[in-house]
């Protein structure tokens, strides 16, 4: 793609050509670092994965984040998918879940797994202003970099909180306003499960009751919003639930 920024993705490969590779898409004000434990779990279950740093995040090229759009992030996922030998499975957390849904059709994704994703809408609210600018993780309640003082990460241990804090960065306010106005997705081009944590007060299960397309549900007992990506005690159960769903719903091999 002309003008594409240089993107970085941490790959964990297991040499299983029968399984679709997994592209992991991080949330807002975050980076691919947040997927460290998920990548280990997926590899243990025979799935190769790529933890993408979206443009302007992590080790990917710096860009003018203040005007970066949700469509730009979706373009990043598509760019990575086009380098792979097989159509991928997309797994996205929070904002990254919505980015994955936006990219799914162009990626020919075999499935799109949303971990408490920002939800797509049926309509766009043109009254919501789309403002250029950037913001940091303090807007999500992370105002301290001490791992012992992280009330939003109550189900994480100290080491998990350290990883969470290492993953943080700036985010596009323009893209956040787009999500507030509504990102319209008419239909899902592939099977979609929505994974929610029973301790997630930001994106509980009921926030997905009016999705514009059909989606399966997977509930994770005791998981907070952060716990869905970084709680190692819950990860074996989450990994089992998600990969079991994939094995039942995703056809192997090339289309």
C-alpha atoms as a PDB file:
ATOM      1  CA  UNK A   1       0.000   0.000   0.000  1.00  0.00           C
ATOM      2  CA  UNK A   2       1.502   3.371  -1.009  1.00  0.00           C
ATOM      3  CA  UNK A   3       2.364   5.560   1.918  1.00  0.00           C
ATOM      4  CA  UNK A   4       1.965   2.829   4.504  1.00  0.00           C
ATOM      5  CA  UNK A   5       4.026   3.406   7.663  1.00  0.00           C
ATOM      6  CA  UNK A   6       6.476   0.745   8.747  1.00  0.00           C
ATOM      7  CA  UNK A   7       4.677  -1.678  11.050  1.00  0.00           C
ATOM      8  CA  UNK A   8       6.135  -4.082  13.585  1.00  0.00           C
ATOM      9  CA  UNK A   9       4.627  -7.334  14.785  1.00  0.00           C
ATOM     10  CA  UNK A  10       6.050  -9.805  17.286  1.00  0.00           C
ATOM     11  CA  UNK A  11       5.707 -13.281  15.785  1.00  0.00           C
ATOM     12  CA  UNK A  12       5.497 -16.563  17.686  1.00  0.00           C
ATOM     13  CA  UNK A  13       5.510 -19.382  15.118  1.00  0.00           C
ATOM     14  CA  UNK A  14       4.875 -23.050  15.786  1.00  0.00           C
ATOM     15  CA  UNK A  15       5.272 -24.593  12.316  1.00  0.00           C
ATOM     16  CA  UNK A  16       1.687 -25.820  11.994  1.00  0.00           C
ATOM     17  CA  UNK A  17       0.645 -25.125   8.396  1.00  0.00           C
ATOM     18  CA  UNK A  18      -2.858 -26.516   8.958  1.00  0.00           C
ATOM     19  CA  UNK A  19      -3.883 -23.748  11.352  1.00  0.00           C
ATOM     20  CA  UNK A  20      -4.643 -20.233  10.226  1.00  0.00           C
ATOM     21  CA  UNK A  21      -2.234 -17.715  11.765  1.00  0.00           C
ATOM     22  CA  UNK A  22      -3.656 -15.391  14.402  1.00  0.00           C
ATOM     23  CA  UNK A  23      -3.279 -11.615  14.215  1.00  0.00           C
ATOM     24  CA  UNK A  24      -3.628 -10.008  17.652  1.00  0.00           C
ATOM     25  CA  UNK A  25      -4.821  -6.382  17.710  1.00  0.00           C
ATOM     26  CA  UNK A  26      -4.246  -4.312  20.854  1.00  0.00           C
ATOM     27  CA  UNK A  27      -6.484  -1.691  22.433  1.00  0.00           C
ATOM     28  CA  UNK A  28      -6.324   2.091  22.655  1.00  0.00           C
ATOM     29  CA  UNK A  29      -3.275   3.792  24.210  1.00  0.00           C
ATOM     30  CA  UNK A  30      -1.616   0.391  24.114  1.00  0.00           C
ATOM     31  CA  UNK A  31       0.705  -1.849  22.081  1.00  0.00           C
ATOM     32  CA  UNK A  32       1.277  -5.439  21.040  1.00  0.00           C
ATOM     33  CA  UNK A  33       3.242  -5.982  24.281  1.00  0.00           C
ATOM     34  CA  UNK A  34      -0.079  -6.645  25.998  1.00  0.00           C
ATOM     35  CA  UNK A  35      -0.409  -9.988  24.143  1.00  0.00           C
ATOM     36  CA  UNK A  36       2.733 -11.616  25.597  1.00  0.00           C
ATOM     37  CA  UNK A  37       0.885 -14.256  27.630  1.00  0.00           C
ATOM     38  CA  UNK A  38      -1.746 -14.897  24.964  1.00  0.00           C
ATOM     39  CA  UNK A  39       0.992 -15.641  22.435  1.00  0.00           C
ATOM     40  CA  UNK A  40       2.513 -18.243  24.755  1.00  0.00           C
ATOM     41  CA  UNK A  41      -0.910 -19.824  25.293  1.00  0.00           C
ATOM     42  CA  UNK A  42      -1.729 -19.911  21.586  1.00  0.00           C
ATOM     43  CA  UNK A  43       1.649 -21.466  20.761  1.00  0.00           C
ATOM     44  CA  UNK A  44       1.065 -24.142  23.380  1.00  0.00           C
ATOM     45  CA  UNK A  45      -2.167 -24.985  21.570  1.00  0.00           C
ATOM     46  CA  UNK A  46      -0.548 -25.097  18.130  1.00  0.00           C
ATOM     47  CA  UNK A  47      -1.456 -21.638  16.800  1.00  0.00           C
ATOM     48  CA  UNK A  48       1.095 -19.213  15.335  1.00  0.00           C
ATOM     49  CA  UNK A  49       0.438 -15.574  16.178  1.00  0.00           C
ATOM     50  CA  UNK A  50       1.500 -12.039  15.292  1.00  0.00           C
ATOM     51  CA  UNK A  51       1.057  -9.309  17.919  1.00  0.00           C
ATOM     52  CA  UNK A  52       0.799  -6.172  15.794  1.00  0.00           C
ATOM     53  CA  UNK A  53       1.829  -2.707  16.919  1.00  0.00           C
ATOM     54  CA  UNK A  54      -0.611  -0.393  15.156  1.00  0.00           C
ATOM     55  CA  UNK A  55       0.891   2.712  13.521  1.00  0.00           C
ATOM     56  CA  UNK A  56       2.176   5.182  16.086  1.00  0.00           C
ATOM     57  CA  UNK A  57       2.209   2.507  18.820  1.00  0.00           C
ATOM     58  CA  UNK A  58       4.925   0.316  20.295  1.00  0.00           C
ATOM     59  CA  UNK A  59       7.782  -0.333  17.870  1.00  0.00           C
ATOM     60  CA  UNK A  60       5.881   0.648  14.712  1.00  0.00           C
ATOM     61  CA  UNK A  61       6.740   3.865  12.903  1.00  0.00           C
ATOM     62  CA  UNK A  62       5.746   7.121  14.552  1.00  0.00           C
ATOM     63  CA  UNK A  63       2.917   8.933  12.766  1.00  0.00           C
ATOM     64  CA  UNK A  64       0.767  12.001  13.348  1.00  0.00           C
ATOM     65  CA  UNK A  65      -1.580  10.305  15.789  1.00  0.00           C
ATOM     66  CA  UNK A  66      -3.720  13.391  16.187  1.00  0.00           C
ATOM     67  CA  UNK A  67      -5.437  12.771  12.859  1.00  0.00           C
ATOM     68  CA  UNK A  68      -5.176   8.976  12.723  1.00  0.00           C
ATOM     69  CA  UNK A  69      -8.521   7.331  11.969  1.00  0.00           C
ATOM     70  CA  UNK A  70     -10.018   3.961  12.823  1.00  0.00           C
ATOM     71  CA  UNK A  71      -9.800   3.115   9.121  1.00  0.00           C
ATOM     72  CA  UNK A  72      -6.038   3.675   9.282  1.00  0.00           C
ATOM     73  CA  UNK A  73      -5.754   1.081  12.038  1.00  0.00           C
ATOM     74  CA  UNK A  74      -7.877  -1.355  10.031  1.00  0.00           C
ATOM     75  CA  UNK A  75      -5.537  -0.756   7.087  1.00  0.00           C
ATOM     76  CA  UNK A  76      -2.604  -1.782   9.294  1.00  0.00           C
ATOM     77  CA  UNK A  77      -4.241  -5.132  10.030  1.00  0.00           C
ATOM     78  CA  UNK A  78      -4.957  -5.697   6.335  1.00  0.00           C
ATOM     79  CA  UNK A  79      -1.347  -4.854   5.443  1.00  0.00           C
ATOM     80  CA  UNK A  80      -0.052  -7.509   7.835  1.00  0.00           C
ATOM     81  CA  UNK A  81      -2.622 -10.074   6.669  1.00  0.00           C
ATOM     82  CA  UNK A  82      -1.453  -9.647   3.068  1.00  0.00           C
ATOM     83  CA  UNK A  83       2.046 -10.805   4.038  1.00  0.00           C
ATOM     84  CA  UNK A  84       0.756 -14.137   5.376  1.00  0.00           C
ATOM     85  CA  UNK A  85       0.385 -17.370   3.429  1.00  0.00           C
ATOM     86  CA  UNK A  86      -3.116 -18.076   4.694  1.00  0.00           C
ATOM     87  CA  UNK A  87      -6.088 -15.878   5.614  1.00  0.00           C
ATOM     88  CA  UNK A  88      -5.821 -15.194   9.343  1.00  0.00           C
ATOM     89  CA  UNK A  89      -7.960 -15.427  12.404  1.00  0.00           C
ATOM     90  CA  UNK A  90      -8.244 -11.943  13.925  1.00  0.00           C
ATOM     91  CA  UNK A  91      -8.323 -11.476  17.703  1.00  0.00           C
ATOM     92  CA  UNK A  92      -8.809  -7.950  19.025  1.00  0.00           C
ATOM     93  CA  UNK A  93      -9.164  -6.510  22.500  1.00  0.00           C
ATOM     94  CA  UNK A  94     -11.142  -3.358  23.348  1.00  0.00           C
ATOM     95  CA  UNK A  95     -10.569  -0.825  20.518  1.00  0.00           C
ATOM     96  CA  UNK A  96      -8.598  -3.539  18.721  1.00  0.00           C
ATOM     97  CA  UNK A  97     -11.676  -5.743  18.587  1.00  0.00           C
ATOM     98  CA  UNK A  98     -13.520  -3.130  16.554  1.00  0.00           C
ATOM     99  CA  UNK A  99     -10.452  -2.551  14.360  1.00  0.00           C
ATOM    100  CA  UNK A 100     -10.376  -6.302  13.685  1.00  0.00           C
ATOM    101  CA  UNK A 101     -14.060  -6.309  12.713  1.00  0.00           C
ATOM    102  CA  UNK A 102     -13.465  -3.412  10.324  1.00  0.00           C
ATOM    103  CA  UNK A 103     -10.545  -5.265   8.710  1.00  0.00           C
ATOM    104  CA  UNK A 104     -12.101  -8.732   8.588  1.00  0.00           C
ATOM    105  CA  UNK A 105     -13.604  -8.591   5.093  1.00  0.00           C
ATOM    106  CA  UNK A 106     -10.460  -7.235   3.392  1.00  0.00           C
ATOM    107  CA  UNK A 107      -8.343  -9.796   5.285  1.00  0.00           C
ATOM    108  CA  UNK A 108     -10.610 -12.663   4.200  1.00  0.00           C
ATOM    109  CA  UNK A 109     -10.494 -13.517   7.897  1.00  0.00           C
ATOM    110  CA  UNK A 110     -11.658 -16.970   8.859  1.00  0.00           C
ATOM    111  CA  UNK A 111     -12.963 -15.647  12.188  1.00  0.00           C
ATOM    112  CA  UNK A 112     -12.877 -12.466  14.223  1.00  0.00           C
ATOM    113  CA  UNK A 113     -12.690 -12.865  18.001  1.00  0.00           C
ATOM    114  CA  UNK A 114     -13.585  -9.785  20.048  1.00  0.00           C
ATOM    115  CA  UNK A 115     -12.319  -9.610  23.626  1.00  0.00           C
ATOM    116  CA  UNK A 116     -14.678  -6.991  25.122  1.00  0.00           C
ATOM    117  CA  UNK A 117     -14.435  -5.055  21.856  1.00  0.00           C
ATOM    118  CA  UNK A 118     -15.553  -1.513  21.254  1.00  0.00           C
ATOM    119  CA  UNK A 119     -18.936  -2.254  19.710  1.00  0.00           C
ATOM    120  CA  UNK A 120     -19.924  -1.422  16.143  1.00  0.00           C
ATOM    121  CA  UNK A 121     -23.130   0.520  15.675  1.00  0.00           C
ATOM    122  CA  UNK A 122     -26.055   0.613  13.267  1.00  0.00           C
ATOM    123  CA  UNK A 123     -25.861   4.377  12.688  1.00  0.00           C
ATOM    124  CA  UNK A 124     -23.315   7.192  12.735  1.00  0.00           C
ATOM    125  CA  UNK A 125     -24.078  10.211  14.927  1.00  0.00           C
ATOM    126  CA  UNK A 126     -22.917  13.234  12.932  1.00  0.00           C
ATOM    127  CA  UNK A 127     -23.522  15.495  15.943  1.00  0.00           C
ATOM    128  CA  UNK A 128     -20.449  14.064  17.705  1.00  0.00           C
ATOM    129  CA  UNK A 129     -17.433  16.296  16.950  1.00  0.00           C
ATOM    130  CA  UNK A 130     -14.348  14.569  15.560  1.00  0.00           C
ATOM    131  CA  UNK A 131     -11.445  16.349  17.221  1.00  0.00           C
ATOM    132  CA  UNK A 132      -7.766  16.035  16.268  1.00  0.00           C
ATOM    133  CA  UNK A 133      -5.341  15.464  19.106  1.00  0.00           C
ATOM    134  CA  UNK A 134      -3.861  12.823  21.348  1.00  0.00           C
ATOM    135  CA  UNK A 135      -4.439  11.577  24.876  1.00  0.00           C
ATOM    136  CA  UNK A 136      -2.825   9.130  27.262  1.00  0.00           C
ATOM    137  CA  UNK A 137      -3.917   6.202  29.444  1.00  0.00           C
ATOM    138  CA  UNK A 138      -5.006   8.554  32.237  1.00  0.00           C
ATOM    139  CA  UNK A 139      -8.314   8.923  30.388  1.00  0.00           C
ATOM    140  CA  UNK A 140      -8.871   5.225  31.096  1.00  0.00           C
ATOM    141  CA  UNK A 141      -8.166   5.652  34.802  1.00  0.00           C
ATOM    142  CA  UNK A 142      -4.435   4.849  34.742  1.00  0.00           C
ATOM    143  CA  UNK A 143      -3.001   7.903  36.454  1.00  0.00           C
ATOM    144  CA  UNK A 144      -0.110   6.225  38.268  1.00  0.00           C
ATOM    145  CA  UNK A 145       2.746   4.073  36.939  1.00  0.00           C
ATOM    146  CA  UNK A 146       3.169   2.223  40.236  1.00  0.00           C
ATOM    147  CA  UNK A 147       2.012  -1.375  39.653  1.00  0.00           C
ATOM    148  CA  UNK A 148       0.744  -1.513  43.236  1.00  0.00           C
ATOM    149  CA  UNK A 149      -1.752   1.299  42.596  1.00  0.00           C
ATOM    150  CA  UNK A 150      -3.847   0.090  39.673  1.00  0.00           C
ATOM    151  CA  UNK A 151      -7.522  -0.229  40.688  1.00  0.00           C
ATOM    152  CA  UNK A 152      -8.532  -0.970  37.085  1.00  0.00           C
ATOM    153  CA  UNK A 153      -6.348  -4.111  37.203  1.00  0.00           C
ATOM    154  CA  UNK A 154      -7.654  -5.658  40.404  1.00  0.00           C
ATOM    155  CA  UNK A 155      -7.466  -9.245  39.086  1.00  0.00           C
ATOM    156  CA  UNK A 156      -3.857  -8.917  37.855  1.00  0.00           C
ATOM    157  CA  UNK A 157      -0.782  -9.782  39.904  1.00  0.00           C
ATOM    158  CA  UNK A 158       2.205  -7.456  40.082  1.00  0.00           C
ATOM    159  CA  UNK A 159       4.089  -8.955  37.139  1.00  0.00           C
ATOM    160  CA  UNK A 160       0.980  -8.771  34.949  1.00  0.00           C
ATOM    161  CA  UNK A 161       0.461  -5.140  35.911  1.00  0.00           C
ATOM    162  CA  UNK A 162       4.064  -4.375  34.969  1.00  0.00           C
ATOM    163  CA  UNK A 163       3.421  -5.767  31.480  1.00  0.00           C
ATOM    164  CA  UNK A 164       0.230  -3.706  31.251  1.00  0.00           C
ATOM    165  CA  UNK A 165       2.092  -0.541  32.182  1.00  0.00           C
ATOM    166  CA  UNK A 166       4.902  -1.320  29.723  1.00  0.00           C
ATOM    167  CA  UNK A 167       2.334  -1.574  26.931  1.00  0.00           C
ATOM    168  CA  UNK A 168       0.945   1.941  27.404  1.00  0.00           C
ATOM    169  CA  UNK A 169       1.333   4.925  25.089  1.00  0.00           C
ATOM    170  CA  UNK A 170      -0.521   7.793  23.447  1.00  0.00           C
ATOM    171  CA  UNK A 171      -3.708   7.433  21.435  1.00  0.00           C
ATOM    172  CA  UNK A 172      -5.602   9.285  18.707  1.00  0.00           C
ATOM    173  CA  UNK A 173      -8.463  11.407  20.022  1.00  0.00           C
ATOM    174  CA  UNK A 174      -9.853  11.575  16.505  1.00  0.00           C
ATOM    175  CA  UNK A 175     -10.193   7.776  16.413  1.00  0.00           C
ATOM    176  CA  UNK A 176     -11.757   7.766  19.877  1.00  0.00           C
ATOM    177  CA  UNK A 177     -14.326  10.342  18.772  1.00  0.00           C
ATOM    178  CA  UNK A 178     -15.086   8.188  15.734  1.00  0.00           C
ATOM    179  CA  UNK A 179     -15.929   5.326  18.086  1.00  0.00           C
ATOM    180  CA  UNK A 180     -18.172   7.631  20.109  1.00  0.00           C
ATOM    181  CA  UNK A 181     -19.956   8.756  16.937  1.00  0.00           C
ATOM    182  CA  UNK A 182     -20.337   5.152  15.855  1.00  0.00           C
ATOM    183  CA  UNK A 183     -18.424   2.863  13.523  1.00  0.00           C
ATOM    184  CA  UNK A 184     -21.039   1.217  11.330  1.00  0.00           C
ATOM    185  CA  UNK A 185     -20.548  -2.402  10.315  1.00  0.00           C
ATOM    186  CA  UNK A 186     -23.547  -3.834   8.522  1.00  0.00           C
ATOM    187  CA  UNK A 187     -22.720  -7.520   8.657  1.00  0.00           C
ATOM    188  CA  UNK A 188     -19.925  -9.813   9.754  1.00  0.00           C
ATOM    189  CA  UNK A 189     -18.044 -11.461   6.866  1.00  0.00           C
ATOM    190  CA  UNK A 190     -16.901 -14.347   9.082  1.00  0.00           C
ATOM    191  CA  UNK A 191     -17.906 -16.080  12.332  1.00  0.00           C
ATOM    192  CA  UNK A 192     -17.630 -13.830  15.394  1.00  0.00           C
ATOM    193  CA  UNK A 193     -17.527 -14.699  19.094  1.00  0.00           C
ATOM    194  CA  UNK A 194     -17.659 -11.944  21.720  1.00  0.00           C
ATOM    195  CA  UNK A 195     -15.645 -12.733  24.864  1.00  0.00           C
ATOM    196  CA  UNK A 196     -16.575 -10.824  28.019  1.00  0.00           C
ATOM    197  CA  UNK A 197     -15.389 -10.903  31.623  1.00  0.00           C
ATOM    198  CA  UNK A 198     -17.865 -11.058  34.471  1.00  0.00           C
ATOM    199  CA  UNK A 199     -15.771  -8.504  36.401  1.00  0.00           C
ATOM    200  CA  UNK A 200     -15.497  -6.106  33.442  1.00  0.00           C
ATOM    201  CA  UNK A 201     -17.426  -2.973  34.380  1.00  0.00           C
ATOM    202  CA  UNK A 202     -16.315  -1.106  31.227  1.00  0.00           C
ATOM    203  CA  UNK A 203     -17.655  -3.525  28.632  1.00  0.00           C
ATOM    204  CA  UNK A 204     -19.996  -6.040  30.318  1.00  0.00           C
ATOM    205  CA  UNK A 205     -21.908  -8.677  28.374  1.00  0.00           C
ATOM    206  CA  UNK A 206     -25.100  -6.609  28.081  1.00  0.00           C
ATOM    207  CA  UNK A 207     -23.349  -3.923  26.023  1.00  0.00           C
ATOM    208  CA  UNK A 208     -23.398  -6.354  23.100  1.00  0.00           C
ATOM    209  CA  UNK A 209     -27.136  -7.051  23.142  1.00  0.00           C
ATOM    210  CA  UNK A 210     -27.771  -4.871  20.060  1.00  0.00           C
ATOM    211  CA  UNK A 211     -24.965  -5.836  17.706  1.00  0.00           C
ATOM    212  CA  UNK A 212     -25.809  -5.355  14.017  1.00  0.00           C
ATOM    213  CA  UNK A 213     -24.892  -8.986  13.294  1.00  0.00           C
ATOM    214  CA  UNK A 214     -25.117 -12.381  14.974  1.00  0.00           C
ATOM    215  CA  UNK A 215     -22.297 -13.328  17.329  1.00  0.00           C
ATOM    216  CA  UNK A 216     -21.626 -16.168  19.730  1.00  0.00           C
ATOM    217  CA  UNK A 217     -20.890 -15.366  23.379  1.00  0.00           C
ATOM    218  CA  UNK A 218     -18.125 -16.608  25.663  1.00  0.00           C
ATOM    219  CA  UNK A 219     -18.142 -15.478  29.302  1.00  0.00           C
ATOM    220  CA  UNK A 220     -14.992 -15.574  31.447  1.00  0.00           C
ATOM    221  CA  UNK A 221     -15.701 -15.709  35.160  1.00  0.00           C
ATOM    222  CA  UNK A 222     -13.808 -13.174  37.265  1.00  0.00           C
ATOM    223  CA  UNK A 223     -12.044 -11.401  34.392  1.00  0.00           C
ATOM    224  CA  UNK A 224     -11.752  -7.620  34.343  1.00  0.00           C
ATOM    225  CA  UNK A 225     -11.225  -5.678  31.122  1.00  0.00           C
ATOM    226  CA  UNK A 226      -7.444  -5.984  31.570  1.00  0.00           C
ATOM    227  CA  UNK A 227      -7.806  -9.531  32.832  1.00  0.00           C
ATOM    228  CA  UNK A 228      -9.051 -10.679  29.424  1.00  0.00           C
ATOM    229  CA  UNK A 229      -5.556 -10.128  28.035  1.00  0.00           C
ATOM    230  CA  UNK A 230      -3.200 -10.434  30.997  1.00  0.00           C
ATOM    231  CA  UNK A 231      -4.649 -12.643  33.757  1.00  0.00           C
ATOM    232  CA  UNK A 232      -2.458 -15.769  33.574  1.00  0.00           C
ATOM    233  CA  UNK A 233      -4.616 -17.696  36.030  1.00  0.00           C
ATOM    234  CA  UNK A 234      -7.636 -17.315  33.754  1.00  0.00           C
ATOM    235  CA  UNK A 235      -5.759 -17.627  30.471  1.00  0.00           C
ATOM    236  CA  UNK A 236      -5.754 -21.451  30.193  1.00  0.00           C
ATOM    237  CA  UNK A 237      -9.543 -21.451  30.457  1.00  0.00           C
ATOM    238  CA  UNK A 238      -9.872 -18.538  28.042  1.00  0.00           C
ATOM    239  CA  UNK A 239      -7.446 -20.125  25.624  1.00  0.00           C
ATOM    240  CA  UNK A 240      -9.354 -23.390  25.757  1.00  0.00           C
ATOM    241  CA  UNK A 241     -12.713 -21.679  25.211  1.00  0.00           C
ATOM    242  CA  UNK A 242     -11.507 -19.569  22.293  1.00  0.00           C
ATOM    243  CA  UNK A 243      -9.489 -22.249  20.486  1.00  0.00           C
ATOM    244  CA  UNK A 244     -12.253 -24.828  20.980  1.00  0.00           C
ATOM    245  CA  UNK A 245     -14.684 -22.363  19.396  1.00  0.00           C
ATOM    246  CA  UNK A 246     -12.239 -21.797  16.521  1.00  0.00           C
ATOM    247  CA  UNK A 247     -11.775 -25.523  15.924  1.00  0.00           C
ATOM    248  CA  UNK A 248     -15.543 -25.923  15.632  1.00  0.00           C
ATOM    249  CA  UNK A 249     -16.211 -22.863  13.506  1.00  0.00           C
ATOM    250  CA  UNK A 250     -13.145 -22.289  11.304  1.00  0.00           C
ATOM    251  CA  UNK A 251     -12.444 -24.443   8.274  1.00  0.00           C
ATOM    252  CA  UNK A 252      -8.792 -25.473   7.986  1.00  0.00           C
ATOM    253  CA  UNK A 253      -6.589 -24.995   4.975  1.00  0.00           C
ATOM    254  CA  UNK A 254      -6.838 -22.513   2.144  1.00  0.00           C
ATOM    255  CA  UNK A 255     -10.277 -21.348   0.999  1.00  0.00           C
END
